[in-house]
Amino acid sequence: MNDLAFDVIHIEPRSSQYWHVAGRALTDICIGDLLEIRLPDKTSMANKGSFVVIAITAYNVSMPKLHYGMGGMLTVVCQEVCKINLARHANFTKLERPNDRIKE
């Protein structure tokens, strides 16, 4: 998959590898999903910006899935050594979904 998955509104670094990312889901996003940062001036970061969703919060409630159209905050961790600056405006694309999808 390479479609936009999350429209980023605000980014708050928590450490060198963890970030809270606020925005709106452009597709369903689940804990465990692998996302890639998409900067406006580049079509791909070539695996320099892959993140795993480790927590989702919306409306002050933790949840396992952020549905399409919902606003919320993702807590993401960098897959490897992050070589990008998340302080810039960016969006996320979804690279893959976890095998054990959450049943509706």
Protein backbone atom coordinates (compact mmCIF):
# COMPACT_ATOMS: atom_id res chain seq x y z
CA MET A 1 0.00 0.00 0.00
CA ASN A 2 1.18 3.44 -0.76
CA ASP A 3 -1.89 5.64 -0.28
CA LEU A 4 -1.93 8.37 2.32
CA ALA A 5 -3.06 6.91 5.64
CA PHE A 6 -2.76 9.74 8.18
CA ASP A 7 -2.84 13.50 7.69
CA VAL A 8 -0.43 14.94 10.26
CA ILE A 9 -1.45 18.13 12.08
CA HIS A 10 0.97 18.19 15.03
CA ILE A 11 4.09 16.25 16.03
CA GLU A 12 5.46 16.07 19.56
CA PRO A 13 8.79 14.25 20.10
CA ARG A 14 8.83 12.08 23.23
CA SER A 15 12.41 10.80 22.84
CA SER A 16 14.85 10.17 20.01
CA GLN A 17 12.75 7.23 18.74
CA TYR A 18 9.18 7.91 19.99
CA TRP A 19 6.69 10.55 18.83
CA HIS A 20 3.10 11.53 19.45
CA VAL A 21 1.55 12.41 16.11
CA ALA A 22 -1.86 14.12 16.00
CA GLY A 23 -4.00 14.23 12.91
CA ARG A 24 -6.79 12.55 10.97
CA ALA A 25 -6.99 8.98 9.71
CA LEU A 26 -7.35 8.72 5.92
CA THR A 27 -7.77 4.94 6.25
CA ASP A 28 -8.26 2.60 9.20
CA ILE A 29 -5.09 2.47 11.33
CA CYS A 30 -4.43 -0.23 13.95
CA ILE A 31 -1.82 -0.74 16.63
CA GLY A 32 1.02 -2.62 14.95
CA ASP A 33 0.57 -1.02 11.53
CA LEU A 34 3.79 -0.02 9.79
CA LEU A 35 3.69 3.53 8.45
CA GLU A 36 6.15 5.46 6.30
CA ILE A 37 6.67 9.18 6.59
CA ARG A 38 5.86 11.06 3.40
CA LEU A 39 7.39 14.52 3.08
CA PRO A 40 5.83 17.00 0.65
CA ASP A 41 8.99 17.25 -1.47
CA LYS A 42 9.65 13.48 -1.76
CA THR A 43 7.63 10.54 -2.97
CA SER A 44 9.37 8.07 -0.61
CA MET A 45 11.89 8.12 2.20
CA ALA A 46 13.46 4.82 1.06
CA ASN A 47 13.03 3.08 4.43
CA LYS A 48 14.55 6.01 6.35
CA GLY A 49 11.21 6.88 7.88
CA SER A 50 9.36 3.69 8.84
CA PHE A 51 7.35 3.75 12.06
CA VAL A 52 5.25 1.26 14.00
CA VAL A 53 2.05 2.42 15.67
CA ILE A 54 2.32 1.39 19.35
CA ALA A 55 -0.66 3.30 20.79
CA ILE A 56 -3.77 5.13 19.57
CA THR A 57 -5.73 7.73 21.52
CA ALA A 58 -8.88 9.53 20.38
CA TYR A 59 -11.33 11.57 22.44
CA ASN A 60 -9.19 10.89 25.56
CA VAL A 61 -9.69 7.13 25.16
CA SER A 62 -7.04 4.53 24.24
CA MET A 63 -8.19 2.28 21.43
CA PRO A 64 -6.77 -0.48 19.21
CA LYS A 65 -8.03 1.05 15.95
CA LEU A 66 -8.50 4.57 14.56
CA HIS A 67 -11.23 4.44 11.94
CA TYR A 68 -11.24 6.34 8.66
CA GLY A 69 -12.09 10.02 9.19
CA MET A 70 -11.46 10.07 12.94
CA GLY A 71 -9.08 12.54 14.51
CA GLY A 72 -6.67 11.21 17.09
CA MET A 73 -3.13 10.79 18.29
CA LEU A 74 -0.78 8.00 17.26
CA THR A 75 2.23 7.06 19.35
CA VAL A 76 4.83 5.80 16.90
CA VAL A 77 8.30 4.34 17.28
CA CYS A 78 10.99 4.42 14.62
CA GLN A 79 11.72 0.99 13.10
CA GLU A 80 15.45 1.57 12.80
CA VAL A 81 17.72 4.57 13.20
CA CYS A 82 15.60 7.55 12.22
CA LYS A 83 17.35 9.81 9.77
CA ILE A 84 14.61 12.37 9.37
CA ASN A 85 13.29 15.39 11.20
CA LEU A 86 9.63 14.84 12.05
CA ALA A 87 9.24 18.52 12.91
CA ARG A 88 8.50 19.26 9.25
CA HIS A 89 5.02 18.98 7.77
CA ALA A 90 4.50 15.40 6.68
CA ASN A 91 1.94 12.67 6.14
CA PHE A 92 2.05 8.93 6.67
CA THR A 93 1.43 6.18 4.14
CA LYS A 94 0.66 2.63 5.21
CA LEU A 95 3.23 0.03 4.21
CA GLU A 96 1.56 -3.05 5.61
CA ARG A 97 -1.07 -4.25 8.03
CA PRO A 98 -0.54 -6.63 10.92
CA ASN A 99 -1.41 -10.29 10.28
CA ASP A 100 -3.69 -10.50 13.30
CA ARG A 101 -6.23 -7.87 12.27
CA ILE A 102 -8.64 -6.67 14.88
CA LYS A 103 -12.07 -8.15 14.24
CA GLU A 104 -14.98 -5.72 14.07
